[in-house]
Amino acid sequence: MKIAIYGYGNLGKGVECAVKYNKDTELVGVFTRRATESVKTVSGAPVYSAADIDKFKDEIDVLVICGGSATDLPKMTPELASRFNVVDSFDTHAEIASHFENTDGASRQGGKLALISAGWDPGLFSIARVYASAALPEGSDYTFWGRGISQGHSDAIRRIDGVVDARQYTVPIDAALNAVKSGECPILGVRDKHKRECYVVAEDGADLSRIEREIKEMPNYFADYDTTVTFISLDELRREHCGIPHGGSVIRNGKTGIAAENTHTVEFSLRLDSNPEFTGSVLLAYARAVYRMHERGRTGCVTVLDVAPADLSIYSADDLRRHML
């Protein structure tokens, strides 16, 4: 399977690293909007201008799009899906339906297959929610993220005028998490489950009050949460916030029995040293599925909920039955 990476930030590097562990994949190259001479890949893979990508249409089986959800992917994915099989990690939950529609039309027109919103949430956590609710239809779902750095939210802050760099931590509220883990089914709003901590490096002379206001009022990202904004130096950011850890849990508490007398808790959790490297690994697995599904004639747009588990795996169906089932 010949893949290419479109966009070379942390996530693009994560996909590149994942190729090492997936022996059925070959990296054609990295496509960037930056000057190609300024980009040096981790693996030594060739770098090409994004403007030249159509020259490689016959060489790429699946294009993994590694842009930000705030402004890049809503435009990039539909535009590229008309000419390539694609996978993206669009993670603005409130906008997934519209992103799906836009991409579906473009990919059908071009006879290609697109998979959007792969990763771990949306992605693996989405599957966990579906499985748990199918097994326990009487119950409640809860999703907790962090404590960890959100790539999408950090990127959204960096797009604000006057911001040099930023890291955003998503932090679960312990009281809510402990209540759910104990088997309770509390009614929780988004503000009850998480808070957001932002560490921001601003340009010299930037209006800090404006930047803080824009962060806290940003819809779909911060407006619905208790958010703190701390301005720090670039040296401090690099020293104290250089890693990109993350993780979280999907929990469903459900009832069974004639009188709903028995309580069950289903939990799927992740603890990640590197959010982009793990997300990149998930994207590569779904690129494999897109390749296989398109080979069978599938076109249009799909999500992780439409993919059979066997299509993700490098192992044969016989190996999966013998060792995984």
C-alpha atoms as a PDB file:
ATOM      1  CA  MET A   1       0.000   0.000   0.000  1.00  0.00           C
ATOM      2  CA  LYS A   2       1.529   3.281  -1.095  1.00  0.00           C
ATOM      3  CA  ILE A   3       0.625   6.185   1.155  1.00  0.00           C
ATOM      4  CA  ALA A   4       1.515   9.857   1.189  1.00  0.00           C
ATOM      5  CA  ILE A   5       1.324  12.439   3.957  1.00  0.00           C
ATOM      6  CA  TYR A   6      -0.273  15.822   3.287  1.00  0.00           C
ATOM      7  CA  GLY A   7       0.888  18.264   5.953  1.00  0.00           C
ATOM      8  CA  TYR A   8       3.979  17.780   8.086  1.00  0.00           C
ATOM      9  CA  GLY A   9       3.428  18.877  11.639  1.00  0.00           C
ATOM     10  CA  ASN A  10       3.385  16.656  14.711  1.00  0.00           C
ATOM     11  CA  LEU A  11       0.653  14.429  13.299  1.00  0.00           C
ATOM     12  CA  GLY A  12       2.379  14.028   9.940  1.00  0.00           C
ATOM     13  CA  LYS A  13       5.533  12.962  11.756  1.00  0.00           C
ATOM     14  CA  GLY A  14       3.442  10.493  13.772  1.00  0.00           C
ATOM     15  CA  VAL A  15       2.147   8.869  10.580  1.00  0.00           C
ATOM     16  CA  GLU A  16       5.674   8.777   9.194  1.00  0.00           C
ATOM     17  CA  CYS A  17       6.933   6.971  12.308  1.00  0.00           C
ATOM     18  CA  ALA A  18       4.068   4.465  12.073  1.00  0.00           C
ATOM     19  CA  VAL A  19       5.187   3.348   8.613  1.00  0.00           C
ATOM     20  CA  LYS A  20       8.206   1.712  10.280  1.00  0.00           C
ATOM     21  CA  TYR A  21       5.909  -0.727  12.111  1.00  0.00           C
ATOM     22  CA  ASN A  22       3.530  -1.471   9.228  1.00  0.00           C
ATOM     23  CA  LYS A  23       5.477  -3.587   6.772  1.00  0.00           C
ATOM     24  CA  ASP A  24       2.727  -3.578   4.153  1.00  0.00           C
ATOM     25  CA  THR A  25       3.048   0.191   3.647  1.00  0.00           C
ATOM     26  CA  GLU A  26       5.386   2.342   1.608  1.00  0.00           C
ATOM     27  CA  LEU A  27       5.706   6.100   2.075  1.00  0.00           C
ATOM     28  CA  VAL A  28       5.717   7.826  -1.317  1.00  0.00           C
ATOM     29  CA  GLY A  29       6.533  11.168   0.261  1.00  0.00           C
ATOM     30  CA  VAL A  30       5.457  14.156   2.303  1.00  0.00           C
ATOM     31  CA  PHE A  31       3.558  17.047   0.714  1.00  0.00           C
ATOM     32  CA  THR A  32       3.833  20.459   2.350  1.00  0.00           C
ATOM     33  CA  ARG A  33       2.603  24.013   1.790  1.00  0.00           C
ATOM     34  CA  ARG A  34       5.902  25.290   3.159  1.00  0.00           C
ATOM     35  CA  ALA A  35       9.048  25.753   1.121  1.00  0.00           C
ATOM     36  CA  THR A  36      10.223  22.204   0.478  1.00  0.00           C
ATOM     37  CA  GLU A  37      13.843  23.001   1.263  1.00  0.00           C
ATOM     38  CA  SER A  38      12.820  24.040   4.787  1.00  0.00           C
ATOM     39  CA  VAL A  39      11.277  20.641   5.631  1.00  0.00           C
ATOM     40  CA  LYS A  40      13.452  17.730   6.733  1.00  0.00           C
ATOM     41  CA  THR A  41      11.626  14.464   7.375  1.00  0.00           C
ATOM     42  CA  VAL A  42      12.422  12.167  10.281  1.00  0.00           C
ATOM     43  CA  SER A  43      12.852   9.103   8.069  1.00  0.00           C
ATOM     44  CA  GLY A  44      14.481  10.808   5.132  1.00  0.00           C
ATOM     45  CA  ALA A  45      11.329  10.483   3.019  1.00  0.00           C
ATOM     46  CA  PRO A  46      11.188  12.859   0.063  1.00  0.00           C
ATOM     47  CA  VAL A  47       9.399  16.189   0.416  1.00  0.00           C
ATOM     48  CA  TYR A  48       7.254  17.677  -2.332  1.00  0.00           C
ATOM     49  CA  SER A  49       5.251  20.836  -2.749  1.00  0.00           C
ATOM     50  CA  ALA A  50       1.548  20.484  -2.045  1.00  0.00           C
ATOM     51  CA  ALA A  51       0.948  22.286  -5.329  1.00  0.00           C
ATOM     52  CA  ASP A  52       2.474  19.321  -7.194  1.00  0.00           C
ATOM     53  CA  ILE A  53       0.389  16.558  -5.645  1.00  0.00           C
ATOM     54  CA  ASP A  54      -1.693  15.886  -8.756  1.00  0.00           C
ATOM     55  CA  LYS A  55       1.478  14.718 -10.481  1.00  0.00           C
ATOM     56  CA  PHE A  56       1.463  11.733  -8.096  1.00  0.00           C
ATOM     57  CA  LYS A  57      -2.171  10.619  -8.509  1.00  0.00           C
ATOM     58  CA  ASP A  58      -1.153   7.285 -10.038  1.00  0.00           C
ATOM     59  CA  GLU A  59       1.468   6.608  -7.349  1.00  0.00           C
ATOM     60  CA  ILE A  60      -0.613   7.117  -4.188  1.00  0.00           C
ATOM     61  CA  ASP A  61      -3.094   4.531  -2.933  1.00  0.00           C
ATOM     62  CA  VAL A  62      -4.177   6.535   0.132  1.00  0.00           C
ATOM     63  CA  LEU A  63      -3.416  10.128   1.098  1.00  0.00           C
ATOM     64  CA  VAL A  64      -3.297  10.778   4.855  1.00  0.00           C
ATOM     65  CA  ILE A  65      -4.283  14.409   5.446  1.00  0.00           C
ATOM     66  CA  CYS A  66      -2.609  15.847   8.541  1.00  0.00           C
ATOM     67  CA  GLY A  67      -4.080  19.318   8.860  1.00  0.00           C
ATOM     68  CA  GLY A  68      -5.860  21.077  11.700  1.00  0.00           C
ATOM     69  CA  SER A  69      -9.581  20.678  12.234  1.00  0.00           C
ATOM     70  CA  ALA A  70     -10.221  24.372  12.859  1.00  0.00           C
ATOM     71  CA  THR A  71      -9.498  25.678   9.352  1.00  0.00           C
ATOM     72  CA  ASP A  72      -7.496  23.143   7.297  1.00  0.00           C
ATOM     73  CA  LEU A  73      -9.481  19.925   7.077  1.00  0.00           C
ATOM     74  CA  PRO A  74     -12.917  21.416   6.261  1.00  0.00           C
ATOM     75  CA  LYS A  75     -11.366  22.664   3.007  1.00  0.00           C
ATOM     76  CA  MET A  76      -8.543  20.200   2.383  1.00  0.00           C
ATOM     77  CA  THR A  77     -10.407  16.928   2.756  1.00  0.00           C
ATOM     78  CA  PRO A  78     -13.315  17.531   0.334  1.00  0.00           C
ATOM     79  CA  GLU A  79     -10.967  19.134  -2.181  1.00  0.00           C
ATOM     80  CA  LEU A  80      -8.460  16.252  -2.141  1.00  0.00           C
ATOM     81  CA  ALA A  81     -11.114  13.528  -1.818  1.00  0.00           C
ATOM     82  CA  SER A  82     -12.274  14.188  -5.351  1.00  0.00           C
ATOM     83  CA  ARG A  83      -8.898  12.946  -6.651  1.00  0.00           C
ATOM     84  CA  PHE A  84      -7.446  10.644  -3.979  1.00  0.00           C
ATOM     85  CA  ASN A  85      -8.518   8.040  -1.477  1.00  0.00           C
ATOM     86  CA  VAL A  86      -8.059   9.939   1.793  1.00  0.00           C
ATOM     87  CA  VAL A  87      -8.062   9.619   5.568  1.00  0.00           C
ATOM     88  CA  ASP A  88      -8.272  12.537   7.997  1.00  0.00           C
ATOM     89  CA  SER A  89      -8.530  13.119  11.748  1.00  0.00           C
ATOM     90  CA  PHE A  90     -11.223  15.831  11.820  1.00  0.00           C
ATOM     91  CA  ASP A  91     -12.151  16.109  15.500  1.00  0.00           C
ATOM     92  CA  THR A  92     -14.641  18.950  15.872  1.00  0.00           C
ATOM     93  CA  HIS A  93     -17.520  16.731  17.023  1.00  0.00           C
ATOM     94  CA  ALA A  94     -20.230  19.316  16.419  1.00  0.00           C
ATOM     95  CA  GLU A  95     -19.209  19.686  12.759  1.00  0.00           C
ATOM     96  CA  ILE A  96     -18.637  16.042  11.803  1.00  0.00           C
ATOM     97  CA  ALA A  97     -22.017  15.663  10.079  1.00  0.00           C
ATOM     98  CA  SER A  98     -21.452  18.614   7.756  1.00  0.00           C
ATOM     99  CA  HIS A  99     -17.828  17.591   7.111  1.00  0.00           C
ATOM    100  CA  PHE A 100     -19.101  14.133   6.171  1.00  0.00           C
ATOM    101  CA  GLU A 101     -21.636  15.528   3.695  1.00  0.00           C
ATOM    102  CA  ASN A 102     -19.100  17.798   2.029  1.00  0.00           C
ATOM    103  CA  THR A 103     -16.564  15.007   1.685  1.00  0.00           C
ATOM    104  CA  ASP A 104     -19.082  12.386   0.588  1.00  0.00           C
ATOM    105  CA  GLY A 105     -20.177  14.389  -2.428  1.00  0.00           C
ATOM    106  CA  ALA A 106     -16.624  15.134  -3.523  1.00  0.00           C
ATOM    107  CA  SER A 107     -15.378  11.558  -3.177  1.00  0.00           C
ATOM    108  CA  ARG A 108     -18.371  10.058  -4.983  1.00  0.00           C
ATOM    109  CA  GLN A 109     -17.884  12.478  -7.840  1.00  0.00           C
ATOM    110  CA  GLY A 110     -14.287  11.342  -8.213  1.00  0.00           C
ATOM    111  CA  GLY A 111     -14.970   7.646  -7.620  1.00  0.00           C
ATOM    112  CA  LYS A 112     -12.763   7.682  -4.519  1.00  0.00           C
ATOM    113  CA  LEU A 113     -13.163   6.574  -0.904  1.00  0.00           C
ATOM    114  CA  ALA A 114     -12.687   8.931   2.034  1.00  0.00           C
ATOM    115  CA  LEU A 115     -12.640   8.159   5.744  1.00  0.00           C
ATOM    116  CA  ILE A 116     -13.007  11.108   8.109  1.00  0.00           C
ATOM    117  CA  SER A 117     -12.545  11.562  11.849  1.00  0.00           C
ATOM    118  CA  ALA A 118     -10.122   8.708  12.492  1.00  0.00           C
ATOM    119  CA  GLY A 119      -7.961   8.744  15.596  1.00  0.00           C
ATOM    120  CA  TRP A 120      -8.938   7.956  19.147  1.00  0.00           C
ATOM    121  CA  ASP A 121     -11.737  10.453  19.795  1.00  0.00           C
ATOM    122  CA  PRO A 122     -13.409  10.600  17.419  1.00  0.00           C
ATOM    123  CA  GLY A 123     -12.220   7.173  16.364  1.00  0.00           C
ATOM    124  CA  LEU A 124     -11.542   4.304  18.748  1.00  0.00           C
ATOM    125  CA  PHE A 125     -13.590   5.953  21.495  1.00  0.00           C
ATOM    126  CA  SER A 126     -16.501   6.236  19.063  1.00  0.00           C
ATOM    127  CA  ILE A 127     -16.412   2.474  18.499  1.00  0.00           C
ATOM    128  CA  ALA A 128     -16.214   1.830  22.247  1.00  0.00           C
ATOM    129  CA  ARG A 129     -19.336   3.955  22.778  1.00  0.00           C
ATOM    130  CA  VAL A 130     -21.248   2.021  20.119  1.00  0.00           C
ATOM    131  CA  TYR A 131     -20.183  -1.401  21.410  1.00  0.00           C
ATOM    132  CA  ALA A 132     -20.983  -0.601  25.048  1.00  0.00           C
ATOM    133  CA  SER A 133     -24.374   0.964  24.300  1.00  0.00           C
ATOM    134  CA  ALA A 134     -25.304  -1.974  22.060  1.00  0.00           C
ATOM    135  CA  ALA A 135     -24.554  -4.443  24.861  1.00  0.00           C
ATOM    136  CA  LEU A 136     -26.144  -2.272  27.579  1.00  0.00           C
ATOM    137  CA  PRO A 137     -29.014  -0.340  25.989  1.00  0.00           C
ATOM    138  CA  GLU A 138     -30.240   0.740  29.411  1.00  0.00           C
ATOM    139  CA  GLY A 139     -27.498   3.003  30.709  1.00  0.00           C
ATOM    140  CA  SER A 140     -25.443   6.157  30.313  1.00  0.00           C
ATOM    141  CA  ASP A 141     -22.240   6.990  28.406  1.00  0.00           C
ATOM    142  CA  TYR A 142     -19.435   9.162  29.749  1.00  0.00           C
ATOM    143  CA  THR A 143     -16.247  10.266  28.037  1.00  0.00           C
ATOM    144  CA  PHE A 144     -13.323  11.811  29.873  1.00  0.00           C
ATOM    145  CA  TRP A 145     -10.192  13.157  28.175  1.00  0.00           C
ATOM    146  CA  GLY A 146      -6.817  13.846  29.717  1.00  0.00           C
ATOM    147  CA  ARG A 147      -5.029  15.166  31.559  1.00  0.00           C
ATOM    148  CA  GLY A 148      -3.250  15.739  28.308  1.00  0.00           C
ATOM    149  CA  ILE A 149      -2.454  18.071  25.454  1.00  0.00           C
ATOM    150  CA  SER A 150      -5.055  18.439  22.737  1.00  0.00           C
ATOM    151  CA  GLN A 151      -3.420  18.948  19.347  1.00  0.00           C
ATOM    152  CA  GLY A 152      -6.556  20.410  17.780  1.00  0.00           C
ATOM    153  CA  HIS A 153      -7.220  22.868  20.580  1.00  0.00           C
ATOM    154  CA  SER A 154      -3.570  23.919  20.748  1.00  0.00           C
ATOM    155  CA  ASP A 155      -3.617  24.485  16.992  1.00  0.00           C
ATOM    156  CA  ALA A 156      -6.787  26.577  17.286  1.00  0.00           C
ATOM    157  CA  ILE A 157      -5.066  28.867  19.796  1.00  0.00           C
ATOM    158  CA  ARG A 158      -2.016  29.214  17.545  1.00  0.00           C
ATOM    159  CA  ARG A 159      -4.284  30.512  14.770  1.00  0.00           C
ATOM    160  CA  ILE A 160      -5.179  33.573  16.869  1.00  0.00           C
ATOM    161  CA  ASP A 161      -3.465  36.780  15.798  1.00  0.00           C
ATOM    162  CA  GLY A 162      -0.571  37.616  18.124  1.00  0.00           C
ATOM    163  CA  VAL A 163       0.051  34.039  19.339  1.00  0.00           C
ATOM    164  CA  VAL A 164       3.510  32.569  18.778  1.00  0.00           C
ATOM    165  CA  ASP A 165       2.878  29.113  20.258  1.00  0.00           C
ATOM    166  CA  ALA A 166       0.518  27.422  22.694  1.00  0.00           C
ATOM    167  CA  ARG A 167      -0.329  24.212  24.525  1.00  0.00           C
ATOM    168  CA  GLN A 168      -3.796  23.345  25.760  1.00  0.00           C
ATOM    169  CA  TYR A 169      -4.395  20.730  28.434  1.00  0.00           C
ATOM    170  CA  THR A 170      -7.752  19.030  28.798  1.00  0.00           C
ATOM    171  CA  VAL A 171      -8.234  18.140  32.468  1.00  0.00           C
ATOM    172  CA  PRO A 172     -10.972  15.842  33.860  1.00  0.00           C
ATOM    173  CA  ILE A 173     -12.795  17.045  36.951  1.00  0.00           C
ATOM    174  CA  ASP A 174     -12.055  14.430  39.603  1.00  0.00           C
ATOM    175  CA  ALA A 175     -15.430  14.552  41.345  1.00  0.00           C
ATOM    176  CA  ALA A 176     -17.271  13.735  38.139  1.00  0.00           C
ATOM    177  CA  LEU A 177     -14.820  11.015  37.072  1.00  0.00           C
ATOM    178  CA  ASN A 178     -14.884   9.318  40.473  1.00  0.00           C
ATOM    179  CA  ALA A 179     -18.686   9.348  40.583  1.00  0.00           C
ATOM    180  CA  VAL A 180     -18.933   7.634  37.212  1.00  0.00           C
ATOM    181  CA  LYS A 181     -16.245   5.071  38.013  1.00  0.00           C
ATOM    182  CA  SER A 182     -18.170   4.141  41.159  1.00  0.00           C
ATOM    183  CA  GLY A 183     -21.166   3.106  39.037  1.00  0.00           C
ATOM    184  CA  GLU A 184     -23.290   6.217  39.413  1.00  0.00           C
ATOM    185  CA  CYS A 185     -25.131   7.753  36.448  1.00  0.00           C
ATOM    186  CA  PRO A 186     -24.970  11.502  37.147  1.00  0.00           C
ATOM    187  CA  ILE A 187     -26.281  14.035  34.662  1.00  0.00           C
ATOM    188  CA  LEU A 188     -23.206  15.996  33.612  1.00  0.00           C
ATOM    189  CA  GLY A 189     -22.781  18.928  31.256  1.00  0.00           C
ATOM    190  CA  VAL A 190     -19.517  19.596  29.435  1.00  0.00           C
ATOM    191  CA  ARG A 191     -18.477  22.120  32.077  1.00  0.00           C
ATOM    192  CA  ASP A 192     -19.044  19.524  34.802  1.00  0.00           C
ATOM    193  CA  LYS A 193     -16.662  16.973  33.282  1.00  0.00           C
ATOM    194  CA  HIS A 194     -13.596  18.937  32.111  1.00  0.00           C
ATOM    195  CA  LYS A 195     -11.700  22.153  32.413  1.00  0.00           C
ATOM    196  CA  ARG A 196      -9.177  23.564  29.961  1.00  0.00           C
ATOM    197  CA  GLU A 197      -5.746  24.971  30.810  1.00  0.00           C
ATOM    198  CA  CYS A 198      -4.029  27.074  28.139  1.00  0.00           C
ATOM    199  CA  TYR A 199      -0.353  28.058  28.166  1.00  0.00           C
ATOM    200  CA  VAL A 200       0.264  30.746  25.568  1.00  0.00           C
ATOM    201  CA  VAL A 201       3.324  32.512  24.187  1.00  0.00           C
ATOM    202  CA  ALA A 202       2.334  35.886  22.760  1.00  0.00           C
ATOM    203  CA  GLU A 203       4.174  38.233  20.434  1.00  0.00           C
ATOM    204  CA  ASP A 204       5.905  41.202  22.051  1.00  0.00           C
ATOM    205  CA  GLY A 205       3.358  43.995  22.367  1.00  0.00           C
ATOM    206  CA  ALA A 206       0.359  41.779  21.631  1.00  0.00           C
ATOM    207  CA  ASP A 207      -2.950  42.583  23.300  1.00  0.00           C
ATOM    208  CA  LEU A 208      -3.073  39.879  25.960  1.00  0.00           C
ATOM    209  CA  SER A 209      -6.610  40.714  27.028  1.00  0.00           C
ATOM    210  CA  ARG A 210      -7.864  40.276  23.465  1.00  0.00           C
ATOM    211  CA  ILE A 211      -6.054  36.972  23.043  1.00  0.00           C
ATOM    212  CA  GLU A 212      -7.465  35.640  26.311  1.00  0.00           C
ATOM    213  CA  ARG A 213     -10.961  36.764  25.357  1.00  0.00           C
ATOM    214  CA  GLU A 214     -10.747  35.159  21.917  1.00  0.00           C
ATOM    215  CA  ILE A 215      -9.639  31.881  23.467  1.00  0.00           C
ATOM    216  CA  LYS A 216     -12.345  31.779  26.119  1.00  0.00           C
ATOM    217  CA  GLU A 217     -15.100  32.757  23.678  1.00  0.00           C
ATOM    218  CA  MET A 218     -14.076  30.351  20.876  1.00  0.00           C
ATOM    219  CA  PRO A 219     -17.111  28.210  19.966  1.00  0.00           C
ATOM    220  CA  ASN A 220     -16.746  24.399  19.874  1.00  0.00           C
ATOM    221  CA  TYR A 221     -13.384  24.662  21.656  1.00  0.00           C
ATOM    222  CA  PHE A 222     -13.459  26.743  24.861  1.00  0.00           C
ATOM    223  CA  ALA A 223     -16.708  28.687  25.222  1.00  0.00           C
ATOM    224  CA  ASP A 224     -18.509  25.873  27.064  1.00  0.00           C
ATOM    225  CA  TYR A 225     -15.709  25.144  29.547  1.00  0.00           C
ATOM    226  CA  ASP A 226     -14.062  26.757  32.530  1.00  0.00           C
ATOM    227  CA  THR A 227     -10.846  27.865  30.838  1.00  0.00           C
ATOM    228  CA  THR A 228      -7.693  29.392  32.278  1.00  0.00           C
ATOM    229  CA  VAL A 229      -5.144  31.207  30.118  1.00  0.00           C
ATOM    230  CA  THR A 230      -1.562  31.602  31.364  1.00  0.00           C
ATOM    231  CA  PHE A 231       0.944  33.611  29.347  1.00  0.00           C
ATOM    232  CA  ILE A 232       4.494  32.287  29.518  1.00  0.00           C
ATOM    233  CA  SER A 233       7.784  32.714  27.669  1.00  0.00           C
ATOM    234  CA  LEU A 234       8.803  30.566  24.725  1.00  0.00           C
ATOM    235  CA  ASP A 235      11.677  29.151  26.776  1.00  0.00           C
ATOM    236  CA  GLU A 236       9.286  28.083  29.525  1.00  0.00           C
ATOM    237  CA  LEU A 237       6.915  26.495  27.009  1.00  0.00           C
ATOM    238  CA  ARG A 238       9.737  24.476  25.485  1.00  0.00           C
ATOM    239  CA  ARG A 239      11.095  23.512  28.893  1.00  0.00           C
ATOM    240  CA  GLU A 240       7.894  22.679  30.772  1.00  0.00           C
ATOM    241  CA  HIS A 241       5.482  21.659  28.007  1.00  0.00           C
ATOM    242  CA  CYS A 242       7.640  19.939  25.394  1.00  0.00           C
ATOM    243  CA  GLY A 243       5.874  16.548  25.434  1.00  0.00           C
ATOM    244  CA  ILE A 244       2.515  15.723  23.879  1.00  0.00           C
ATOM    245  CA  PRO A 245       0.912  13.195  26.263  1.00  0.00           C
ATOM    246  CA  HIS A 246      -2.800  12.475  26.355  1.00  0.00           C
ATOM    247  CA  GLY A 247      -5.358   9.785  27.075  1.00  0.00           C
ATOM    248  CA  GLY A 248      -8.782   9.279  28.528  1.00  0.00           C
ATOM    249  CA  SER A 249     -11.648   6.886  29.112  1.00  0.00           C
ATOM    250  CA  VAL A 250     -15.013   5.926  27.681  1.00  0.00           C
ATOM    251  CA  ILE A 251     -17.251   4.573  30.425  1.00  0.00           C
ATOM    252  CA  ARG A 252     -20.774   3.187  30.207  1.00  0.00           C
ATOM    253  CA  ASN A 253     -22.764   2.307  33.287  1.00  0.00           C
ATOM    254  CA  GLY A 254     -25.725   0.081  32.444  1.00  0.00           C
ATOM    255  CA  LYS A 255     -28.437  -2.030  34.018  1.00  0.00           C
ATOM    256  CA  THR A 256     -29.677  -5.584  33.436  1.00  0.00           C
ATOM    257  CA  GLY A 257     -32.166  -7.844  35.176  1.00  0.00           C
ATOM    258  CA  ILE A 258     -35.956  -7.935  35.352  1.00  0.00           C
ATOM    259  CA  ALA A 259     -35.962  -5.120  37.896  1.00  0.00           C
ATOM    260  CA  ALA A 260     -32.733  -3.531  36.655  1.00  0.00           C
ATOM    261  CA  GLU A 261     -31.142  -4.875  39.805  1.00  0.00           C
ATOM    262  CA  ASN A 262     -27.647  -5.411  38.403  1.00  0.00           C
ATOM    263  CA  THR A 263     -25.200  -2.667  37.431  1.00  0.00           C
ATOM    264  CA  HIS A 264     -22.367  -3.116  34.939  1.00  0.00           C
ATOM    265  CA  THR A 265     -19.506  -0.807  34.011  1.00  0.00           C
ATOM    266  CA  VAL A 266     -17.731  -1.007  30.662  1.00  0.00           C
ATOM    267  CA  GLU A 267     -14.540   1.044  30.336  1.00  0.00           C
ATOM    268  CA  PHE A 268     -12.108   1.588  27.484  1.00  0.00           C
ATOM    269  CA  SER A 269      -9.107   3.729  28.346  1.00  0.00           C
ATOM    270  CA  LEU A 270      -5.874   5.021  26.838  1.00  0.00           C
ATOM    271  CA  ARG A 271      -2.673   6.418  28.339  1.00  0.00           C
ATOM    272  CA  LEU A 272      -0.474   7.923  25.650  1.00  0.00           C
ATOM    273  CA  ASP A 273       3.091   9.193  25.872  1.00  0.00           C
ATOM    274  CA  SER A 274       2.691  10.761  22.431  1.00  0.00           C
ATOM    275  CA  ASN A 275      -0.733  11.794  21.228  1.00  0.00           C
ATOM    276  CA  PRO A 276       0.370  12.445  17.597  1.00  0.00           C
ATOM    277  CA  GLU A 277       2.341   9.205  17.289  1.00  0.00           C
ATOM    278  CA  PHE A 278      -0.572   7.118  18.530  1.00  0.00           C
ATOM    279  CA  THR A 279      -3.063   9.059  16.398  1.00  0.00           C
ATOM    280  CA  GLY A 280      -0.766   8.642  13.406  1.00  0.00           C
ATOM    281  CA  SER A 281      -0.722   4.888  14.011  1.00  0.00           C
ATOM    282  CA  VAL A 282      -4.512   4.799  14.043  1.00  0.00           C
ATOM    283  CA  LEU A 283      -4.665   6.828  10.830  1.00  0.00           C
ATOM    284  CA  LEU A 284      -2.352   4.375   9.110  1.00  0.00           C
ATOM    285  CA  ALA A 285      -4.516   1.426  10.149  1.00  0.00           C
ATOM    286  CA  TYR A 286      -7.557   3.162   8.682  1.00  0.00           C
ATOM    287  CA  ALA A 287      -5.609   3.970   5.524  1.00  0.00           C
ATOM    288  CA  ARG A 288      -5.184   0.197   5.148  1.00  0.00           C
ATOM    289  CA  ALA A 289      -8.928  -0.257   5.523  1.00  0.00           C
ATOM    290  CA  VAL A 290      -9.658   2.465   2.966  1.00  0.00           C
ATOM    291  CA  TYR A 291      -7.276   0.814   0.507  1.00  0.00           C
ATOM    292  CA  ARG A 292      -8.952  -2.580   0.907  1.00  0.00           C
ATOM    293  CA  MET A 293     -12.495  -1.231   0.797  1.00  0.00           C
ATOM    294  CA  HIS A 294     -11.808   0.830  -2.321  1.00  0.00           C
ATOM    295  CA  GLU A 295     -10.269  -2.222  -3.993  1.00  0.00           C
ATOM    296  CA  ARG A 296     -13.654  -3.908  -3.428  1.00  0.00           C
ATOM    297  CA  GLY A 297     -15.417  -0.996  -5.111  1.00  0.00           C
ATOM    298  CA  ARG A 298     -16.483   1.202  -2.180  1.00  0.00           C
ATOM    299  CA  THR A 299     -16.674   4.947  -2.868  1.00  0.00           C
ATOM    300  CA  GLY A 300     -17.975   7.995  -1.025  1.00  0.00           C
ATOM    301  CA  CYS A 301     -17.310   8.905   2.595  1.00  0.00           C
ATOM    302  CA  VAL A 302     -17.253   6.579   5.593  1.00  0.00           C
ATOM    303  CA  THR A 303     -16.294   6.767   9.258  1.00  0.00           C
ATOM    304  CA  VAL A 304     -14.694   4.335  11.676  1.00  0.00           C
ATOM    305  CA  LEU A 305     -18.170   2.988  12.428  1.00  0.00           C
ATOM    306  CA  ASP A 306     -18.428   1.634   8.864  1.00  0.00           C
ATOM    307  CA  VAL A 307     -15.159  -0.341   8.929  1.00  0.00           C
ATOM    308  CA  ALA A 308     -14.909  -4.034   9.769  1.00  0.00           C
ATOM    309  CA  PRO A 309     -12.149  -4.761  12.308  1.00  0.00           C
ATOM    310  CA  ALA A 310     -10.468  -7.254   9.970  1.00  0.00           C
ATOM    311  CA  ASP A 311      -9.887  -4.516   7.390  1.00  0.00           C
ATOM    312  CA  LEU A 312      -7.682  -2.663   9.863  1.00  0.00           C
ATOM    313  CA  SER A 313      -5.304  -5.498  10.595  1.00  0.00           C
ATOM    314  CA  ILE A 314      -2.119  -6.479   8.843  1.00  0.00           C
ATOM    315  CA  TYR A 315      -2.926 -10.111   9.740  1.00  0.00           C
ATOM    316  CA  SER A 316      -4.875 -12.508   7.549  1.00  0.00           C
ATOM    317  CA  ALA A 317      -8.414 -13.592   8.348  1.00  0.00           C
ATOM    318  CA  ASP A 318      -7.105 -17.021   9.375  1.00  0.00           C
ATOM    319  CA  ASP A 319      -4.512 -15.500  11.716  1.00  0.00           C
ATOM    320  CA  LEU A 320      -7.155 -13.267  13.274  1.00  0.00           C
ATOM    321  CA  ARG A 321      -9.461 -16.227  13.922  1.00  0.00           C
ATOM    322  CA  ARG A 322      -6.647 -18.278  15.434  1.00  0.00           C
ATOM    323  CA  HIS A 323      -5.009 -15.625  17.609  1.00  0.00           C
ATOM    324  CA  MET A 324      -7.422 -12.723  18.169  1.00  0.00           C
ATOM    325  CA  LEU A 325     -10.900 -14.226  18.231  1.00  0.00           C
END
